[in-house]
Protein backbone atom coordinates (compact mmCIF):
# COMPACT_ATOMS: atom_id res chain seq x y z
CA MET A 1 -105.36 -30.33 173.38
CA MET A 2 -105.74 -26.65 172.79
CA LYS A 3 -107.58 -25.28 170.04
CA ARG A 4 -105.80 -22.56 167.96
CA VAL A 5 -107.61 -19.24 167.35
CA ARG A 6 -107.34 -17.82 164.02
CA GLN A 7 -106.45 -14.11 163.75
CA ARG A 8 -107.98 -11.92 161.22
CA GLY A 9 -105.71 -8.68 161.37
CA ASN A 10 -108.34 -6.35 162.74
CA THR A 11 -105.93 -4.94 165.17
CA LEU A 12 -103.42 -4.22 162.57
CA LEU A 13 -105.96 -2.36 160.53
CA ILE A 14 -106.99 -0.21 163.34
CA VAL A 15 -103.47 0.74 164.28
CA LEU A 16 -102.76 1.67 160.75
CA ILE A 17 -105.73 3.90 160.70
CA LEU A 18 -104.82 5.62 164.00
CA LEU A 19 -101.21 6.02 162.59
CA VAL A 20 -102.67 7.88 159.53
CA VAL A 21 -104.96 10.17 161.73
CA PHE A 22 -102.05 10.92 163.94
CA SER A 23 -99.74 11.72 160.96
CA LEU A 24 -102.51 14.20 159.61
CA PHE A 25 -102.59 15.92 162.97
CA ALA A 26 -98.89 16.22 162.98
CA VAL A 27 -98.82 17.77 159.27
CA SER A 28 -101.68 20.16 160.24
CA ALA A 29 -99.76 21.36 163.43
CA PHE A 30 -96.69 21.73 161.40
CA ASN A 31 -98.47 23.87 158.65
CA SER A 32 -100.32 25.96 161.46
CA SER A 33 -97.04 26.80 163.18
CA ASN A 34 -95.37 27.76 159.89
CA THR A 35 -98.13 30.14 159.11
CA ASN A 36 -98.07 31.71 162.46
CA LEU A 37 -94.34 32.17 162.06
CA LYS A 38 -94.78 33.91 158.67
CA VAL A 39 -97.36 36.28 160.28
CA ILE A 40 -95.06 37.02 163.10
CA GLY A 41 -92.20 37.75 160.80
CA ASN A 42 -94.39 40.04 158.63
CA MET A 43 -95.51 42.00 161.66
CA GLN A 44 -91.89 42.32 162.86
CA ALA A 45 -90.86 43.70 159.52
CA ARG A 46 -93.68 46.04 159.36
CA THR A 47 -92.91 47.33 162.76
CA GLU A 48 -89.31 47.88 161.93
CA GLY A 49 -90.18 49.52 158.74
CA ALA A 50 -92.51 52.06 160.69
CA SER A 51 -89.52 52.54 163.23
CA ALA A 52 -87.22 53.46 160.31
CA ALA A 53 -89.78 55.89 158.68
CA GLN A 54 -90.38 57.58 162.15
CA LEU A 55 -86.65 57.90 162.73
CA ALA A 56 -86.41 59.56 159.34
CA ILE A 57 -89.08 61.95 160.23
CA GLU A 58 -87.51 62.76 163.50
CA GLN A 59 -84.19 63.57 161.75
CA THR A 60 -85.97 65.80 159.26
CA ILE A 61 -87.80 67.79 161.81
CA SER A 62 -84.70 68.18 164.20
CA THR A 63 -83.37 70.79 161.68
CA LEU A 64 -85.15 73.58 159.87
CA GLU A 65 -83.65 72.64 156.63
CA PHE A 66 -86.94 71.04 155.46
CA THR A 67 -88.53 74.61 155.48
CA SER A 68 -86.05 76.14 153.35
CA ASN A 69 -84.87 73.41 151.05
CA PRO A 70 -87.46 70.63 150.86
CA ASP A 71 -86.40 69.41 147.54
CA ASN A 72 -82.86 68.63 148.90
CA ILE A 73 -84.53 66.72 151.78
CA ALA A 74 -86.50 64.63 149.25
CA ALA A 75 -83.47 64.03 147.16
CA THR A 76 -81.44 62.69 150.12
CA PRO A 77 -82.24 59.12 151.37
CA ILE A 78 -81.66 58.03 154.78
CA ASN A 79 -80.16 54.55 155.43
CA VAL A 80 -81.31 52.87 158.55
CA ASP A 81 -79.38 49.88 160.40
CA ILE A 82 -82.02 48.44 162.66
CA ASP A 83 -80.16 45.73 164.14
CA ARG A 84 -76.90 47.69 164.31
CA ASN A 85 -74.80 45.14 162.40
CA GLY A 86 -73.08 47.65 160.06
CA THR A 87 -75.36 46.97 157.03
CA THR A 88 -78.47 49.13 155.83
CA ASP A 89 -81.68 47.30 156.58
CA TYR A 90 -84.07 50.07 155.27
CA THR A 91 -83.65 52.94 152.96
CA VAL A 92 -86.02 55.82 153.72
CA GLN A 93 -87.11 58.36 151.11
CA ARG A 94 -88.96 61.42 152.12
CA THR A 95 -91.17 61.73 149.09
CA PRO A 96 -93.00 63.82 148.17
CA ALA A 97 -90.78 66.68 149.35
CA PRO A 98 -92.04 68.12 152.74
CA LYS A 99 -94.82 70.56 151.87
CA CYS A 100 -96.27 73.63 153.61
CA PHE A 101 -99.92 73.71 153.29
CA ARG A 102 -101.07 76.50 155.62
CA THR A 103 -99.59 79.71 157.19
CA LEU A 104 -101.16 82.14 159.67
CA ALA A 105 -99.68 85.42 160.75
CA VAL A 106 -98.85 85.64 164.36
CA LYS A 107 -100.43 88.69 166.07
CA ALA A 108 -97.92 91.04 167.73
CA GLY A 109 -100.32 90.92 170.77
CA ASP A 110 -99.80 87.25 171.12
CA LEU A 111 -96.07 87.49 171.54
CA ASP A 112 -94.26 87.27 174.94
CA PRO A 113 -91.22 89.70 175.38
CA ALA A 114 -89.85 87.35 178.07
CA ASN A 115 -89.69 84.51 175.65
CA ALA A 116 -86.45 84.40 173.67
CA ALA A 117 -88.17 82.70 170.68
CA ASP A 118 -90.67 85.56 170.32
CA ILE A 119 -88.13 88.55 170.31
CA ALA A 120 -87.19 87.80 166.68
CA CYS A 121 -90.84 88.19 165.75
CA MET A 122 -91.34 91.54 167.30
CA GLN A 123 -91.57 94.50 165.10
CA SER A 124 -89.98 97.91 165.65
CA GLY A 125 -92.35 100.24 167.56
CA VAL A 126 -90.91 103.32 165.72
CA ALA A 127 -91.95 102.60 162.02
CA GLN A 128 -95.24 100.71 162.15
CA SER A 129 -96.73 102.38 159.22
CA SER A 130 -95.34 104.44 156.30
CA GLY A 131 -98.44 106.77 156.60
CA ILE A 132 -100.02 105.38 153.49
CA ASP A 133 -103.49 104.01 154.06
CA SER A 134 -104.27 100.86 152.10
CA ALA A 135 -106.48 97.75 152.28
CA ALA A 136 -103.25 95.56 152.41
CA ALA A 137 -101.91 97.68 155.36
CA ALA A 138 -105.20 97.34 157.27
CA ALA A 139 -105.28 93.58 156.68
CA THR A 140 -101.77 93.19 158.19
CA SER A 141 -102.21 95.65 160.98
CA GLY A 142 -101.34 94.01 164.31
CA ASN A 143 -99.33 91.20 162.66
CA SER A 144 -95.85 90.37 163.90
CA MET A 145 -92.86 89.55 161.70
CA CYS A 146 -93.66 85.76 162.11
CA ALA A 147 -96.15 83.25 160.82
CA ASN A 148 -97.10 79.89 161.99
CA SER A 149 -96.77 77.35 159.24
CA GLU A 150 -97.93 73.78 159.14
CA TRP A 151 -96.11 71.02 157.15
CA ASN A 152 -96.65 67.47 156.10
CA ILE A 153 -93.64 65.22 156.08
CA ARG A 154 -93.94 61.76 154.47
CA ALA A 155 -91.31 58.96 154.77
CA GLU A 156 -91.35 55.75 153.13
CA ALA A 157 -89.07 52.89 154.34
CA THR A 158 -88.14 50.05 151.93
CA ASP A 159 -86.37 46.83 152.82
CA ALA A 160 -84.57 45.74 149.72
CA ARG A 161 -84.18 42.28 151.03
CA THR A 162 -87.95 41.50 151.69
CA GLY A 163 -89.53 44.19 149.44
CA ILE A 164 -91.69 45.49 152.30
CA LYS A 165 -92.59 49.15 152.15
CA VAL A 166 -94.01 51.14 155.11
CA ALA A 167 -95.09 54.93 154.80
CA ALA A 168 -95.46 57.29 157.70
CA ASP A 169 -96.96 60.78 157.64
CA GLN A 170 -96.21 63.48 160.19
CA GLY A 171 -97.69 66.80 160.55
CA VAL A 172 -95.43 69.60 161.99
CA ALA A 173 -96.15 73.16 162.96
CA ILE A 174 -93.12 75.59 162.66
CA ARG A 175 -92.95 79.39 163.52
CA LEU A 176 -91.01 81.08 160.69
CA LEU A 177 -90.33 84.70 159.77
CA ASP A 178 -93.23 85.87 157.66
CA THR A 179 -91.00 86.27 154.69
CA ASP A 180 -89.66 82.80 154.89
CA ALA A 181 -93.22 81.50 155.34
CA ALA A 182 -94.30 83.52 152.18
CA ASN A 183 -91.29 82.12 150.17
CA ASN A 184 -91.72 78.50 151.29
CA CYS A 185 -95.52 77.92 151.58
CA ASN A 186 -97.65 78.03 148.63
């Protein structure tokens, strides 16, 4: 007759331990993939917000309205539909208002008569001076009727759904008539 071998359950215990270890690996992998998915989603939302802000800046500098009426620009938000589904994804505010922070008179000698943009800056050769000598007249001698102005435009895009805010600043140089530059640049 054969002798029966008594089983102690060691195999069952080892299998249960391995099952717990593999379950911990699976949970860890799931949590890691969830974290990576959140990071990628945040990066995508940030990139979209930056694109919306840049779009608003490009729309702003495509016209010269920001040089003559910066407060109106700041008061008018731009709605951006990134995915083109008909709903606003980002609202962009251009605050603070576009600001001119520096002007520099363009010298008459720097103008090119062959350039159509420079013709508006040229002064009459007939009446250069009224004949009155003053320090102010000496300081402006040789200046054209234009000035180069430098502006800062800031756009802040906000996604109401996620609450993300992304801001972009852009410097812009614009040639203006010197009277407009004097009125709009502090």
